[in-house]
Structure formats: structure tokens, C-alpha cells
Protein backbone atom coordinates (compact mmCIF):
# COMPACT_ATOMS: atom_id res chain seq x y z
CA MET A 1 -0.05 -0.17 0.18
CA SER A 2 1.48 3.58 -0.97
CA GLU A 3 1.29 6.45 1.42
CA THR A 4 -0.46 9.56 1.06
CA PRO A 5 1.76 12.43 1.60
CA GLN A 6 0.35 14.74 3.71
CA VAL A 7 -0.60 18.15 2.28
CA ARG A 8 1.59 21.02 4.15
CA TYR A 9 0.55 24.08 1.94
CA TYR A 10 -2.29 25.06 0.09
CA VAL A 11 -2.07 27.50 -2.61
CA VAL A 12 -4.88 29.86 -2.31
CA THR A 13 -6.01 32.60 -4.92
CA ARG A 14 -8.29 35.51 -4.22
CA ALA A 15 -9.75 37.53 -6.59
CA LEU A 16 -11.52 41.27 -6.33
CA GLY A 17 -14.90 41.13 -5.14
CA PRO A 18 -17.95 42.98 -6.95
CA LEU A 19 -17.72 45.42 -4.72
CA TRP A 20 -14.08 46.53 -5.02
CA ASP A 21 -13.75 49.92 -6.44
CA ARG A 22 -11.57 49.71 -9.67
CA SER A 23 -10.92 53.50 -9.62
CA ARG A 24 -9.17 53.21 -6.24
CA GLY A 25 -5.72 51.40 -5.47
CA MET A 26 -5.25 48.69 -2.78
CA ARG A 27 -4.79 50.79 -0.36
CA GLU A 28 -7.30 53.04 -0.89
CA GLN A 29 -10.15 50.63 -0.63
CA GLU A 30 -12.63 50.58 2.38
CA CYS A 31 -11.41 49.13 5.45
CA TRP A 32 -7.67 49.14 4.17
CA ASP A 33 -6.19 49.55 7.60
CA GLU A 34 -8.30 46.96 9.35
CA HIS A 35 -7.92 44.19 5.95
CA ALA A 36 -3.94 45.05 6.33
CA ALA A 37 -3.92 44.47 10.18
CA PHE A 38 -5.83 40.83 9.79
CA MET A 39 -3.76 40.01 6.93
CA ASP A 40 -0.38 40.89 8.84
CA GLY A 41 -2.17 38.69 11.76
CA LEU A 42 -2.35 35.49 9.64
CA ALA A 43 1.13 36.10 8.08
CA GLY A 44 2.98 36.46 12.16
CA GLU A 45 0.99 33.59 13.22
CA GLY A 46 2.50 31.55 10.33
CA PHE A 47 -0.84 30.49 8.33
CA ILE A 48 -0.11 33.11 5.27
CA VAL A 49 3.42 31.54 4.74
CA LEU A 50 4.00 33.95 1.41
CA GLY A 51 1.50 36.34 -0.46
CA GLY A 52 0.58 39.13 -2.66
CA PRO A 53 -1.18 40.62 -5.71
CA LEU A 54 -0.27 39.00 -9.06
CA GLY A 55 0.06 40.57 -12.23
CA ASP A 56 -2.24 43.71 -12.49
CA GLY A 57 -3.37 43.25 -9.05
CA SER A 58 -6.72 41.70 -9.92
CA SER A 59 -5.97 38.64 -8.17
CA PHE A 60 -3.87 37.59 -5.14
CA LEU A 61 -1.92 34.62 -4.61
CA HIS A 62 -1.51 33.06 -0.99
CA VAL A 63 0.62 29.88 0.16
CA VAL A 64 -1.01 29.04 3.54
CA ASP A 65 0.06 26.35 6.07
CA ALA A 66 -3.32 24.83 7.05
CA ALA A 67 -4.57 21.37 8.00
CA THR A 68 -7.67 21.33 5.49
CA GLU A 69 -9.38 23.71 3.30
CA GLN A 70 -12.66 24.35 5.23
CA GLU A 71 -9.69 25.98 7.84
CA ILE A 72 -8.60 28.17 4.70
CA THR A 73 -12.50 28.99 4.03
CA ALA A 74 -13.41 29.93 7.76
CA ARG A 75 -10.06 32.01 8.22
CA PHE A 76 -10.34 34.21 5.17
CA ALA A 77 -13.81 34.44 5.84
CA ALA A 78 -12.81 36.66 8.95
CA ASP A 79 -10.90 39.07 6.67
CA PRO A 80 -13.27 42.42 7.01
CA TRP A 81 -12.75 42.27 3.06
CA THR A 82 -14.76 39.23 2.90
CA PRO A 83 -17.96 40.29 4.05
CA MET A 84 -17.59 43.63 2.30
CA GLU A 85 -17.68 41.76 -1.17
CA LEU A 86 -14.10 43.34 -1.80
CA LEU A 87 -12.17 39.93 -2.26
CA ARG A 88 -13.44 36.54 -2.63
CA ILE A 89 -11.72 33.03 -2.79
CA LEU A 90 -11.18 31.90 -6.34
CA SER A 91 -9.37 28.61 -5.70
CA ILE A 92 -7.96 26.62 -2.95
CA GLU A 93 -5.22 24.11 -4.32
CA PRO A 94 -3.41 21.63 -2.33
CA TRP A 95 0.44 21.98 -3.07
CA GLU A 96 2.88 18.92 -3.02
CA ILE A 97 6.59 20.78 -3.03
CA LEU A 98 8.44 18.56 -5.92
CA LEU A 99 11.30 21.06 -6.47
CA ARG A 100 13.74 22.77 -4.37
CA ALA A 101 16.96 25.15 -4.78
CA PRO A 102 19.83 22.97 -4.01
CA GLY A 103 21.30 23.61 -0.92
CA VAL A 104 17.81 24.27 0.62
CA ASN A 105 16.46 22.14 3.68
CA ALA A 106 13.44 21.62 5.16
CA VAL A 107 14.90 21.99 8.60
CA SER A 108 18.11 23.53 9.99
CA ASP A 109 21.30 21.37 10.75
CA ASP A 110 20.28 21.51 14.37
CA GLY A 111 16.60 20.32 13.63
CA ALA A 112 14.91 24.09 14.08
CA GLU A 113 11.93 24.49 11.52
CA ALA A 114 12.59 27.42 9.44
CA PRO A 115 10.03 30.71 10.46
CA SER A 116 6.76 29.91 8.92
CA GLY A 117 7.94 26.79 7.62
CA LEU A 118 10.19 28.36 5.08
CA PRO A 119 12.99 26.36 4.04
CA TRP A 120 16.70 26.93 5.78
CA PRO A 121 19.73 26.80 3.48
CA ALA A 122 21.90 23.96 4.30
CA ALA A 123 25.02 24.85 6.65
CA ASP A 124 27.42 23.40 4.09
CA ALA A 125 25.50 24.58 1.14
CA ALA A 126 27.36 26.25 -1.49
CA PRO A 127 26.38 29.70 -2.11
CA ALA A 128 23.81 30.19 -4.96
CA PRO A 129 25.34 31.03 -7.85
CA HIS A 130 24.86 34.71 -8.90
CA ARG A 131 22.16 35.73 -11.34
CA GLU A 132 21.83 39.07 -12.77
CA PRO A 133 17.96 40.02 -11.92
CA ARG A 134 15.36 40.00 -15.06
CA PRO A 135 14.18 43.02 -16.36
CA HIS A 136 11.00 43.62 -15.16
CA PRO A 137 8.31 43.66 -18.14
CA ARG A 138 7.21 46.88 -17.36
CA GLY A 139 10.44 48.52 -17.38
């Protein structure tokens, strides 16, 4: 019998809701401060591992550390922007991590987990080769 890998991370995509004011920027939307504080709290407790707007800012990607999709739905339901219909969940997908940069471990050499579950570089790993940054498509 094969063992099913336990999902640790999910990728959540959120999209603009019907009441998003497209004439205003993200930080000018109603209740920005409350939304920002809520999201900072989720990141601070390690629920959101990575997150931010994609492309033109009409959708947002979050990597979350959660046990179930139901937990994710419940946590984002408490965002002040959810009942205001400024943001909605577009998708929740389990993420099986298969690729990792060379020299990156899930835990440090002393067995400590990295902050927010992020990988630690191995102590004996060679530094990553220098790469010139790619030009941003918008200049």
C-alpha cells in the first residue's frame, strides 16, 4: 500500500469581489487598515507563508500552512474585506512541493524548523550562483 503524502501547504487565489472600487488603488479601498492588520496577523502566526498581488493586481496568491480547505475558508471569511465583497476566494489547491533549489532544506542542521515553515539553507551548502536580475516587463 502506498503512503499518501500529507499536504502541508495550500495555494489560495483570491480575486476582486463585485464591490471592489476599480477607480481606487488597493490601499485606498474601504477598511484598508483593518484588512492589512488582519492579513499581517495571519502572516505573523504562520498561517500565511507567502502572499501578495499578482500581475495587474486583480488577483492575489497566498501560500498557506493549513490542515484543511475548510480551515482556509473559515480563516479568510474573517477578513474584513470578505463580507464587504471586496475579495473572494477563487481557488484553493493543495501544493505538493517537488522541486527545491540546491542546498535548501526544510529544517536547519540543528533540527529547528524555519520561520513560517520556510526552508533553511543547509550550513554546508555552496552559495547560490549569482544571477543578474531579469528586467521587469513594465520597465
